[in-house]
């Protein structure tokens, strides 16, 4: 990914940044729903995300101002041959701190393969990446094979980006447009595996990370964006 960014003119500009632009750009799916939501909210955070963070009653997370939002932010991780691609990377701030917000948008898509599935036929580099992710998350022992692997690398992507910007807090937030909050049980299993400390019903602090504070969150998006139909930019 180049580190020179051009402001969007509409949500359609997000399409070309997707890993598979033609396949993933569909009404009712996470990429288009997120693009429509974030563009409508600009120059602020989506209101439901503001509400979730304000409900923490943590001064570090309240009254955050959006500085910049970057779709499809890529973070290189050890091992493997592809970076981790965050749906939206937002830099936000209040009077106390700069906060990095890594957003994973979902409708009913799962969080990819489990750790067990990733281990099947894995290379030495991929095994090293898994070990690195677990270590950075402060896991006291290898995580259960039933944990969804995507949750690990999206969380560490937010953490590493926060360190790069010298931000003391990183938040990995699932922005779910699913009316039934599909796959929330996998998110909660991940939080439980890391022995997270509950901040609010939807925010959880990972206590084992070093230096930068890492918070995991779940936010229910506005389901009206499931019917947003943005034209193709291709």
Protein backbone atom coordinates (compact mmCIF):
# COMPACT_ATOMS: atom_id res chain seq x y z
CA UNK A 1 0.00 0.00 0.00
CA UNK A 2 1.22 3.49 -0.84
CA UNK A 3 1.32 5.96 2.03
CA UNK A 4 -0.10 8.85 -0.01
CA UNK A 5 -3.87 9.18 0.37
CA UNK A 6 -6.42 11.10 -1.68
CA UNK A 7 -9.73 12.26 -0.13
CA UNK A 8 -12.82 10.44 -1.36
CA UNK A 9 -15.59 12.08 -3.37
CA UNK A 10 -18.17 9.40 -2.53
CA UNK A 11 -18.44 5.94 -1.06
CA UNK A 12 -17.86 4.44 -4.49
CA UNK A 13 -14.21 5.49 -4.23
CA UNK A 14 -13.75 2.77 -1.60
CA UNK A 15 -14.35 -0.03 -4.11
CA UNK A 16 -11.04 0.06 -5.92
CA UNK A 17 -9.16 -0.47 -2.62
CA UNK A 18 -10.79 -3.84 -1.94
CA UNK A 19 -8.85 -7.06 -2.33
CA UNK A 20 -11.48 -8.29 -4.81
CA UNK A 21 -13.28 -5.12 -5.96
CA UNK A 22 -15.87 -6.72 -8.24
CA UNK A 23 -16.67 -9.65 -5.96
CA UNK A 24 -16.97 -7.76 -2.68
CA UNK A 25 -18.78 -4.61 -3.89
CA UNK A 26 -22.43 -5.63 -3.44
CA UNK A 27 -25.49 -4.13 -1.78
CA UNK A 28 -26.12 -5.68 1.61
CA UNK A 29 -22.49 -6.72 2.12
CA UNK A 30 -20.04 -5.24 4.59
CA UNK A 31 -17.81 -3.27 2.18
CA UNK A 32 -20.62 -1.23 0.63
CA UNK A 33 -22.53 -0.84 3.91
CA UNK A 34 -19.45 0.46 5.71
CA UNK A 35 -18.51 2.85 2.90
CA UNK A 36 -22.02 4.35 2.82
CA UNK A 37 -22.15 4.66 6.61
CA UNK A 38 -18.76 6.31 7.04
CA UNK A 39 -19.27 8.71 4.12
CA UNK A 40 -22.64 9.81 5.52
CA UNK A 41 -21.12 10.39 8.97
CA UNK A 42 -18.16 12.44 7.70
CA UNK A 43 -16.64 14.60 9.16
CA UNK A 44 -17.61 12.74 12.33
CA UNK A 45 -17.50 9.14 13.46
CA UNK A 46 -20.64 7.09 12.78
CA UNK A 47 -23.02 7.94 15.61
CA UNK A 48 -23.29 4.36 16.87
CA UNK A 49 -19.51 4.17 17.27
CA UNK A 50 -19.50 7.46 19.20
CA UNK A 51 -22.23 6.09 21.46
CA UNK A 52 -20.38 2.84 22.19
CA UNK A 53 -17.17 4.68 23.10
CA UNK A 54 -18.94 7.34 25.17
CA UNK A 55 -20.83 4.62 27.05
CA UNK A 56 -17.50 3.38 28.42
CA UNK A 57 -17.41 6.40 30.77
CA UNK A 58 -13.65 6.31 30.20
CA UNK A 59 -12.32 9.85 29.63
CA UNK A 60 -9.76 8.42 27.22
CA UNK A 61 -12.53 7.13 24.92
CA UNK A 62 -15.16 9.82 25.24
CA UNK A 63 -15.87 12.81 22.98
CA UNK A 64 -13.47 11.60 20.28
CA UNK A 65 -13.00 13.74 17.19
CA UNK A 66 -12.34 12.10 13.82
CA UNK A 67 -9.07 13.31 12.32
CA UNK A 68 -8.80 10.95 9.37
CA UNK A 69 -10.39 7.68 8.19
CA UNK A 70 -8.49 5.46 5.75
CA UNK A 71 -10.26 2.57 4.01
CA UNK A 72 -8.45 -0.76 3.59
CA UNK A 73 -5.40 0.09 5.71
CA UNK A 74 -2.62 -2.48 5.34
CA UNK A 75 -0.25 -3.58 8.09
CA UNK A 76 2.71 -5.89 7.47
CA UNK A 77 3.06 -8.73 9.96
CA UNK A 78 5.90 -11.24 10.38
CA UNK A 79 5.54 -14.47 8.40
CA UNK A 80 3.16 -15.09 5.53
CA UNK A 81 3.17 -13.11 2.30
CA UNK A 82 0.21 -10.75 2.66
CA UNK A 83 -0.43 -7.80 4.98
CA UNK A 84 -3.44 -7.62 7.26
CA UNK A 85 -6.04 -5.35 5.65
CA UNK A 86 -8.23 -3.35 8.06
CA UNK A 87 -11.56 -2.18 6.63
CA UNK A 88 -11.28 1.30 8.15
CA UNK A 89 -8.38 2.80 10.08
CA UNK A 90 -9.42 5.94 11.94
CA UNK A 91 -7.23 8.34 13.87
CA UNK A 92 -9.32 10.02 16.55
CA UNK A 93 -8.52 12.30 19.45
CA UNK A 94 -9.92 14.14 22.43
CA UNK A 95 -8.37 16.54 24.91
CA UNK A 96 -6.48 13.69 26.57
CA UNK A 97 -5.17 11.37 23.88
CA UNK A 98 -4.73 10.22 20.32
CA UNK A 99 -6.53 6.92 19.74
CA UNK A 100 -6.17 4.49 16.83
CA UNK A 101 -9.43 2.85 15.85
CA UNK A 102 -9.21 -0.24 13.63
CA UNK A 103 -12.64 -1.17 12.30
CA UNK A 104 -13.67 -4.57 10.96
CA UNK A 105 -17.01 -4.26 9.16
CA UNK A 106 -19.32 -7.26 9.04
CA UNK A 107 -22.82 -8.25 8.00
CA UNK A 108 -23.13 -12.02 8.21
CA UNK A 109 -19.62 -12.86 7.05
CA UNK A 110 -17.66 -15.04 9.52
CA UNK A 111 -14.27 -14.08 10.91
CA UNK A 112 -12.54 -16.40 8.48
CA UNK A 113 -10.92 -19.72 9.41
CA UNK A 114 -10.26 -20.91 12.93
CA UNK A 115 -6.74 -21.25 14.25
CA UNK A 116 -7.03 -25.01 13.69
CA UNK A 117 -7.93 -24.48 10.05
CA UNK A 118 -5.04 -22.05 9.57
CA UNK A 119 -2.60 -24.61 10.98
CA UNK A 120 -3.48 -27.18 8.32
CA UNK A 121 -0.64 -27.17 5.81
CA UNK A 122 0.82 -23.98 7.27
CA UNK A 123 4.33 -22.91 6.33
CA UNK A 124 7.11 -22.12 8.78
CA UNK A 125 6.43 -18.41 8.21
CA UNK A 126 2.70 -18.78 8.88
CA UNK A 127 3.41 -20.69 12.09
CA UNK A 128 5.80 -17.93 13.14
CA UNK A 129 3.11 -15.32 12.46
CA UNK A 130 0.61 -17.13 14.69
CA UNK A 131 3.17 -17.36 17.49
CA UNK A 132 3.94 -13.65 17.09
CA UNK A 133 0.27 -12.67 17.25
CA UNK A 134 -0.33 -14.70 20.40
CA UNK A 135 2.74 -13.20 22.05
CA UNK A 136 1.74 -9.62 21.20
CA UNK A 137 -1.74 -10.26 22.60
CA UNK A 138 -0.17 -11.40 25.86
CA UNK A 139 -1.78 -14.82 25.70
CA UNK A 140 -0.36 -16.85 28.63
CA UNK A 141 -0.58 -20.01 26.50
CA UNK A 142 -1.46 -20.91 22.90
CA UNK A 143 -5.03 -19.90 22.12
CA UNK A 144 -7.72 -22.50 21.56
CA UNK A 145 -7.88 -23.90 18.04
CA UNK A 146 -11.52 -22.80 17.88
CA UNK A 147 -10.65 -19.06 17.99
CA UNK A 148 -11.10 -17.20 14.70
CA UNK A 149 -7.71 -16.24 13.29
CA UNK A 150 -8.89 -12.97 11.72
CA UNK A 151 -9.60 -11.52 15.15
CA UNK A 152 -5.94 -11.98 16.10
CA UNK A 153 -4.36 -10.17 13.18
CA UNK A 154 -6.93 -7.36 13.03
CA UNK A 155 -6.31 -6.67 16.74
CA UNK A 156 -2.54 -6.63 16.32
CA UNK A 157 -2.86 -4.42 13.23
CA UNK A 158 -4.60 -1.79 15.35
CA UNK A 159 -2.00 -2.20 18.09
CA UNK A 160 0.98 -1.83 15.75
CA UNK A 161 -0.57 1.19 14.05
CA UNK A 162 -1.10 2.85 17.43
CA UNK A 163 2.56 2.29 18.26
CA UNK A 164 3.59 3.76 14.90
CA UNK A 165 1.62 6.94 15.64
CA UNK A 166 2.71 7.01 19.30
CA UNK A 167 -0.92 6.68 20.34
CA UNK A 168 -1.36 5.23 23.84
CA UNK A 169 -4.64 3.44 22.97
CA UNK A 170 -5.67 1.10 20.17
CA UNK A 171 -9.24 -0.07 19.66
CA UNK A 172 -10.19 -2.99 17.41
CA UNK A 173 -13.90 -2.54 16.80
CA UNK A 174 -16.24 -4.91 14.98
CA UNK A 175 -18.83 -2.73 13.20
CA UNK A 176 -21.63 -5.23 12.64
CA UNK A 177 -24.52 -4.35 10.33
CA UNK A 178 -26.15 -7.72 11.00
CA UNK A 179 -29.63 -7.34 12.55
CA UNK A 180 -28.95 -10.52 14.56
CA UNK A 181 -25.35 -9.62 15.50
CA UNK A 182 -24.11 -12.67 13.60
CA UNK A 183 -20.86 -14.20 14.89
CA UNK A 184 -20.80 -12.18 18.10
CA UNK A 185 -20.22 -15.46 19.97
CA UNK A 186 -16.87 -15.82 18.19
CA UNK A 187 -15.92 -12.29 19.23
CA UNK A 188 -16.87 -13.02 22.83
CA UNK A 189 -14.90 -16.29 22.79
CA UNK A 190 -11.84 -14.32 21.66
CA UNK A 191 -12.26 -11.83 24.50
CA UNK A 192 -12.70 -14.66 26.99
CA UNK A 193 -9.61 -16.50 25.72
CA UNK A 194 -7.55 -13.38 26.40
CA UNK A 195 -9.08 -12.94 29.88
CA UNK A 196 -10.21 -9.46 28.91
CA UNK A 197 -11.43 -6.97 31.48
CA UNK A 198 -14.95 -5.72 30.81
CA UNK A 199 -15.20 -1.95 30.40
CA UNK A 200 -18.84 -1.90 29.29
CA UNK A 201 -21.21 -4.47 27.74
CA UNK A 202 -19.52 -3.94 24.37
CA UNK A 203 -15.93 -2.96 25.20
CA UNK A 204 -13.19 -5.18 26.64
CA UNK A 205 -9.60 -4.40 27.59
CA UNK A 206 -6.84 -6.86 26.71
CA UNK A 207 -4.70 -6.84 29.84
CA UNK A 208 -1.64 -8.70 28.58
CA UNK A 209 -0.30 -6.31 25.95
CA UNK A 210 2.86 -4.30 26.46
CA UNK A 211 2.97 -0.50 26.42
CA UNK A 212 -0.04 0.45 24.30
CA UNK A 213 -3.49 -0.27 25.70
CA UNK A 214 -5.60 -2.53 23.46
CA UNK A 215 -9.39 -2.51 23.63
CA UNK A 216 -11.73 -4.83 21.73
CA UNK A 217 -15.24 -3.67 20.90
CA UNK A 218 -18.48 -4.66 19.23
CA UNK A 219 -20.75 -2.03 17.70
CA UNK A 220 -24.10 -2.66 16.03
CA UNK A 221 -24.30 -0.63 12.82
CA UNK A 222 -27.41 1.00 11.39
CA UNK A 223 -29.17 -1.69 9.34
CA UNK A 224 -30.50 0.90 6.88
CA UNK A 225 -27.09 0.79 5.21
CA UNK A 226 -27.81 -2.78 4.12
CA UNK A 227 -30.00 -1.23 1.42
CA UNK A 228 -27.40 1.36 0.34
CA UNK A 229 -26.62 0.78 -3.33
CA UNK A 230 -23.47 2.62 -4.33
CA UNK A 231 -22.51 2.57 -8.02
CA UNK A 232 -19.38 0.78 -9.16
CA UNK A 233 -16.30 2.92 -9.64
CA UNK A 234 -14.65 0.40 -11.98
